[in-house]
N, C-alpha and C. Protein backbone atom coordinates (compact mmCIF):
# COMPACT_ATOMS: atom_id res chain seq x y z
N LEU A 1 74.09 173.10 55.81
CA LEU A 1 74.00 174.70 55.99
C LEU A 1 75.54 175.16 55.05
N LEU A 2 74.54 176.19 53.77
CA LEU A 2 75.47 176.38 52.09
C LEU A 2 75.87 177.55 52.62
N SER A 3 76.94 177.54 52.02
CA SER A 3 77.39 178.85 51.55
C SER A 3 76.89 179.69 50.65
N ILE A 4 76.25 180.90 50.09
CA ILE A 4 75.88 181.35 49.53
C ILE A 4 76.50 183.38 49.16
N GLY A 5 77.62 182.78 48.20
CA GLY A 5 77.60 184.16 48.21
C GLY A 5 78.74 184.26 49.23
N PRO A 6 79.74 185.83 49.22
CA PRO A 6 80.47 185.90 50.53
C PRO A 6 80.05 186.23 51.85
N SER A 7 78.91 186.72 51.80
CA SER A 7 77.97 187.09 53.45
C SER A 7 76.76 186.20 53.91
N HIS A 8 76.66 185.38 52.79
CA HIS A 8 75.59 184.86 53.72
C HIS A 8 75.24 183.25 53.67
N LEU A 9 74.69 182.71 54.55
CA LEU A 9 74.98 181.27 54.59
C LEU A 9 73.15 180.57 54.84
N LEU A 10 73.20 179.38 54.29
CA LEU A 10 71.72 178.96 53.95
C LEU A 10 71.67 177.82 54.52
N LEU A 11 70.84 177.60 55.52
CA LEU A 11 69.98 176.80 56.61
C LEU A 11 68.67 175.72 56.27
N PHE A 12 68.88 174.73 55.94
CA PHE A 12 67.59 173.96 55.75
C PHE A 12 67.49 172.75 56.31
N GLY A 13 66.31 172.55 56.67
CA GLY A 13 65.91 171.29 58.05
C GLY A 13 66.97 170.98 59.23
N GLY A 14 67.07 169.84 59.02
CA GLY A 14 68.14 169.48 60.30
C GLY A 14 67.19 168.53 61.48
N TYR A 15 67.24 168.53 62.42
CA TYR A 15 67.14 167.27 63.86
C TYR A 15 67.48 168.15 64.80
N ASP A 16 66.07 168.82 65.49
CA ASP A 16 66.30 169.47 66.80
C ASP A 16 66.70 168.22 68.56
N GLY A 17 67.07 166.96 67.98
CA GLY A 17 66.94 166.53 69.09
C GLY A 17 65.43 165.04 69.04
N GLN A 18 64.36 166.12 68.90
CA GLN A 18 63.03 165.47 68.84
C GLN A 18 62.32 165.18 67.33
N ASP A 19 62.70 166.36 66.74
CA ASP A 19 61.93 166.31 65.52
C ASP A 19 62.94 166.61 64.06
N PHE A 20 62.09 165.88 63.26
CA PHE A 20 63.07 166.12 61.83
C PHE A 20 62.52 167.80 61.36
N LEU A 21 62.85 168.62 60.55
CA LEU A 21 62.49 169.89 60.14
C LEU A 21 62.95 170.04 58.78
N ASN A 22 62.17 171.10 57.82
CA ASN A 22 62.29 171.42 56.84
C ASN A 22 62.28 173.02 56.68
N ASP A 23 62.70 173.83 57.85
CA ASP A 23 62.15 175.03 57.60
C ASP A 23 63.76 175.49 56.95
N CYS A 24 63.55 177.10 56.47
CA CYS A 24 64.51 177.34 56.18
C CYS A 24 65.06 178.82 56.48
N PHE A 25 66.04 178.99 57.13
CA PHE A 25 67.10 180.68 57.23
C PHE A 25 68.37 180.64 56.54
N LEU A 26 68.28 182.42 56.60
CA LEU A 26 69.38 182.80 55.62
C LEU A 26 69.80 183.51 56.69
N LEU A 27 71.45 183.30 56.87
CA LEU A 27 72.15 184.30 58.08
C LEU A 27 73.22 185.20 57.17
N ASP A 28 73.07 186.56 57.60
CA ASP A 28 73.83 187.47 57.26
C ASP A 28 74.89 187.55 57.54
N THR A 29 75.85 187.26 57.46
CA THR A 29 77.20 186.88 58.17
C THR A 29 78.30 188.15 58.27
N ASN A 30 77.74 189.12 57.73
CA ASN A 30 77.92 190.54 58.36
C ASN A 30 77.75 191.00 59.32
N THR A 31 76.15 190.63 59.72
CA THR A 31 75.17 191.23 60.55
C THR A 31 75.52 190.29 61.70
N LEU A 32 75.27 189.05 61.15
CA LEU A 32 75.28 187.91 62.27
C LEU A 32 73.71 188.18 62.90
N VAL A 33 73.00 188.40 61.61
CA VAL A 33 71.25 188.26 61.62
C VAL A 33 70.91 187.13 61.00
N TRP A 34 69.69 186.30 61.78
CA TRP A 34 69.18 184.81 61.01
C TRP A 34 67.70 185.71 60.48
N VAL A 35 67.41 185.73 59.14
CA VAL A 35 66.24 185.65 58.83
C VAL A 35 65.21 184.15 58.24
N GLN A 36 64.05 183.71 58.67
CA GLN A 36 63.38 183.02 58.49
C GLN A 36 62.61 183.10 56.70
N LEU A 37 63.20 182.20 55.96
CA LEU A 37 62.65 182.18 54.88
C LEU A 37 61.54 181.33 54.40
N HIS A 38 60.39 181.92 53.91
CA HIS A 38 59.16 181.12 53.59
C HIS A 38 59.13 181.24 51.55
N PRO A 39 59.64 179.77 51.52
CA PRO A 39 59.61 179.50 50.05
C PRO A 39 58.50 179.08 49.65
N ASP A 40 57.68 180.05 48.15
CA ASP A 40 57.07 179.29 47.73
C ASP A 40 56.88 178.02 47.25
N GLY A 41 55.93 177.39 46.54
CA GLY A 41 55.89 176.29 46.31
C GLY A 41 55.92 175.00 47.51
N LEU A 42 56.08 173.78 46.99
CA LEU A 42 56.46 172.52 47.43
C LEU A 42 57.44 172.48 48.24
N LEU A 43 57.17 172.44 49.63
CA LEU A 43 58.86 172.38 50.51
C LEU A 43 59.38 170.98 50.60
N PRO A 44 59.98 170.33 50.39
CA PRO A 44 60.89 169.05 50.67
C PRO A 44 60.72 168.55 51.85
N ARG A 45 60.62 167.91 52.05
CA ARG A 45 60.09 166.61 53.25
C ARG A 45 61.14 167.22 54.32
N GLU A 46 60.93 166.91 55.57
CA GLU A 46 61.93 167.31 57.01
C GLU A 46 63.13 166.49 56.69
N ARG A 47 63.88 166.74 57.17
CA ARG A 47 65.12 165.71 56.57
C ARG A 47 66.54 166.57 57.74
N SER A 48 67.47 165.60 58.13
CA SER A 48 68.37 165.94 58.43
C SER A 48 70.22 165.12 57.37
N LEU A 49 70.74 165.39 57.57
CA LEU A 49 71.93 164.27 56.77
C LEU A 49 72.21 164.57 55.25
N HIS A 50 71.55 165.74 54.68
CA HIS A 50 71.31 166.15 52.99
C HIS A 50 72.66 166.61 53.23
N SER A 51 73.13 166.70 51.67
CA SER A 51 74.05 167.74 51.55
C SER A 51 73.42 168.86 50.23
N MET A 52 73.81 170.08 50.23
CA MET A 52 73.38 170.83 49.20
C MET A 52 74.80 171.88 48.55
N SER A 53 74.39 171.98 47.20
CA SER A 53 75.19 172.88 47.02
C SER A 53 74.88 173.94 46.11
N SER A 54 75.90 174.97 45.53
CA SER A 54 75.26 175.84 45.34
C SER A 54 76.02 176.53 44.14
N PHE A 55 74.73 177.16 42.78
CA PHE A 55 75.29 177.39 42.01
C PHE A 55 74.33 178.90 41.94
N PRO A 56 74.92 179.71 40.72
CA PRO A 56 75.30 181.18 40.41
C PRO A 56 73.41 181.83 40.80
N HIS A 57 72.52 181.26 40.66
CA HIS A 57 71.12 181.34 41.06
C HIS A 57 70.37 180.34 41.25
N ALA A 58 71.06 179.78 42.48
CA ALA A 58 69.78 178.28 43.05
C ALA A 58 70.78 177.50 43.86
N ALA A 59 70.16 176.86 44.79
CA ALA A 59 71.01 175.49 45.86
C ALA A 59 70.10 174.31 45.27
N VAL A 60 70.93 172.88 45.22
CA VAL A 60 70.57 171.92 45.08
C VAL A 60 70.79 170.98 45.97
N LEU A 61 69.16 170.73 46.96
CA LEU A 61 69.66 170.02 47.84
C LEU A 61 69.00 168.59 47.53
N PHE A 62 70.15 167.74 48.51
CA PHE A 62 69.92 166.19 47.58
C PHE A 62 69.67 165.68 48.87
N GLY A 63 68.86 164.53 48.89
CA GLY A 63 68.48 163.30 49.76
C GLY A 63 69.11 163.56 51.29
N GLY A 64 69.34 162.59 52.20
CA GLY A 64 69.04 163.13 53.52
C GLY A 64 68.43 161.64 54.45
N VAL A 65 68.26 162.17 54.99
CA VAL A 65 67.29 160.89 56.22
C VAL A 65 66.44 161.69 56.97
N HIS A 66 64.99 160.84 56.91
CA HIS A 66 63.92 161.31 57.29
C HIS A 66 63.47 160.04 58.82
N LYS A 67 63.47 160.17 59.65
CA LYS A 67 63.44 158.98 60.40
C LYS A 67 63.73 157.40 60.29
N GLY A 68 64.79 157.77 60.32
CA GLY A 68 65.97 156.61 60.27
C GLY A 68 65.41 156.32 58.29
N LYS A 69 65.25 156.23 57.42
CA LYS A 69 64.98 156.07 56.39
C LYS A 69 65.50 157.16 55.34
N ALA A 70 66.78 156.45 54.49
CA ALA A 70 67.02 157.46 53.17
C ALA A 70 66.07 157.95 52.61
N LEU A 71 66.72 159.20 52.47
CA LEU A 71 65.72 160.15 51.42
C LEU A 71 66.53 160.07 49.99
N ASN A 72 65.75 159.76 48.63
CA ASN A 72 66.47 159.66 47.37
C ASN A 72 65.77 160.94 46.36
N ASP A 73 66.01 162.16 46.84
CA ASP A 73 65.17 163.09 45.98
C ASP A 73 65.77 164.14 46.22
N VAL A 74 65.81 164.86 44.89
CA VAL A 74 66.65 166.33 44.63
C VAL A 74 65.43 167.44 44.53
N HIS A 75 65.91 168.76 45.08
CA HIS A 75 64.73 170.02 45.03
C HIS A 75 66.02 171.01 44.65
N ILE A 76 65.58 171.90 44.00
CA ILE A 76 65.86 173.30 43.49
C ILE A 76 65.73 174.22 43.91
N LEU A 77 66.29 174.85 44.68
CA LEU A 77 65.73 176.45 45.61
C LEU A 77 66.49 177.69 44.69
N GLU A 78 65.47 178.27 44.11
CA GLU A 78 66.05 178.84 43.27
C GLU A 78 65.97 180.70 43.90
N ASN A 79 67.37 181.59 43.77
CA ASN A 79 67.47 182.34 44.13
C ASN A 79 67.51 182.57 45.72
N PRO A 80 68.02 181.55 46.31
CA PRO A 80 68.21 181.69 47.94
C PRO A 80 68.55 182.70 48.27
N ALA A 81 69.72 183.51 48.05
CA ALA A 81 69.94 184.83 48.57
C ALA A 81 68.72 186.19 48.42
N LEU A 82 67.77 186.15 47.78
CA LEU A 82 66.89 187.36 47.64
C LEU A 82 66.26 187.42 48.54
N GLN A 83 66.10 188.84 48.56
CA GLN A 83 65.47 189.00 50.20
C GLN A 83 63.58 188.32 49.82
N GLU A 84 63.19 188.56 48.72
CA GLU A 84 61.74 188.12 48.72
C GLU A 84 61.78 186.60 48.71
N GLY A 85 62.44 185.65 49.42
CA GLY A 85 62.53 184.73 50.08
C GLY A 85 62.84 183.50 48.71
N LEU A 86 62.35 182.33 48.95
CA LEU A 86 63.07 181.23 47.51
C LEU A 86 61.59 180.64 46.78
N ARG A 87 62.12 180.27 46.03
CA ARG A 87 61.23 179.78 44.84
C ARG A 87 61.76 178.48 44.82
N LEU A 88 60.72 177.65 45.11
CA LEU A 88 61.32 176.14 45.53
C LEU A 88 60.50 175.52 44.24
N ARG A 89 61.37 174.01 43.52
CA ARG A 89 60.87 173.78 42.77
C ARG A 89 61.19 172.23 42.84
N ARG A 90 60.39 170.98 42.36
CA ARG A 90 61.13 169.68 42.78
C ARG A 90 61.67 169.44 41.51
N ALA A 91 62.51 168.29 41.57
CA ALA A 91 63.45 167.87 40.36
C ALA A 91 62.78 166.33 40.31
N HIS A 92 62.22 165.41 39.23
CA HIS A 92 61.71 164.76 39.19
C HIS A 92 62.98 163.57 38.21
N GLY A 93 63.27 162.30 39.23
CA GLY A 93 63.33 161.71 38.34
C GLY A 93 65.28 161.37 38.46
N VAL A 94 65.74 162.58 38.82
CA VAL A 94 67.31 162.53 39.04
C VAL A 94 68.20 162.24 39.68
N ALA A 95 67.58 161.78 40.83
CA ALA A 95 68.29 161.57 41.80
C ALA A 95 68.34 159.91 41.83
N ARG A 96 67.54 158.75 41.51
CA ARG A 96 67.49 157.69 41.38
C ARG A 96 68.66 157.07 40.21
N ARG A 97 68.36 158.13 38.74
CA ARG A 97 69.69 157.75 37.50
C ARG A 97 70.71 158.18 38.44
N ARG A 98 71.04 159.08 39.03
CA ARG A 98 72.31 159.58 39.60
C ARG A 98 72.85 158.22 40.63
N LEU A 99 72.24 157.87 41.28
CA LEU A 99 72.62 156.69 42.40
C LEU A 99 73.03 155.62 41.26
N ARG A 100 72.02 155.31 40.88
CA ARG A 100 72.05 153.91 40.07
C ARG A 100 73.51 154.53 38.54
N ASP A 101 73.99 155.32 38.03
CA ASP A 101 74.95 155.90 37.33
C ASP A 101 76.11 155.58 38.65
N CYS A 102 76.24 156.06 40.17
CA CYS A 102 77.33 155.80 40.59
C CYS A 102 77.70 154.39 41.53
N ARG A 103 76.56 153.43 41.27
CA ARG A 103 76.66 151.64 41.43
C ARG A 103 77.18 151.47 40.47
N GLY A 104 77.41 152.05 39.45
CA GLY A 104 77.43 151.68 38.05
C GLY A 104 76.46 150.31 37.18
N GLU A 105 75.31 151.05 37.56
CA GLU A 105 74.03 149.93 37.05
C GLU A 105 73.69 151.47 35.80
């Protein structure tokens, strides 16, 4: 769950007790209305336990778990608060480099 500005929360993926999910929802915290977003482009693999960070014009999704396996990928969701939905593109090669840097390799 990621805060997007003062009045929106972005939810991507998760686990419902049976299946890993890769759907995307936006909550307007003023009206408490959820809207399902349908991003363009390649969707990230279903996952839970991932992290997300927001930037002025994008949200970055990193890693997580899918069926017991750790994921090592990065996805950039552009303009996540726009009503027309999300544009999504995959960032290649970034996650492995960052993990190596964190381990001192």
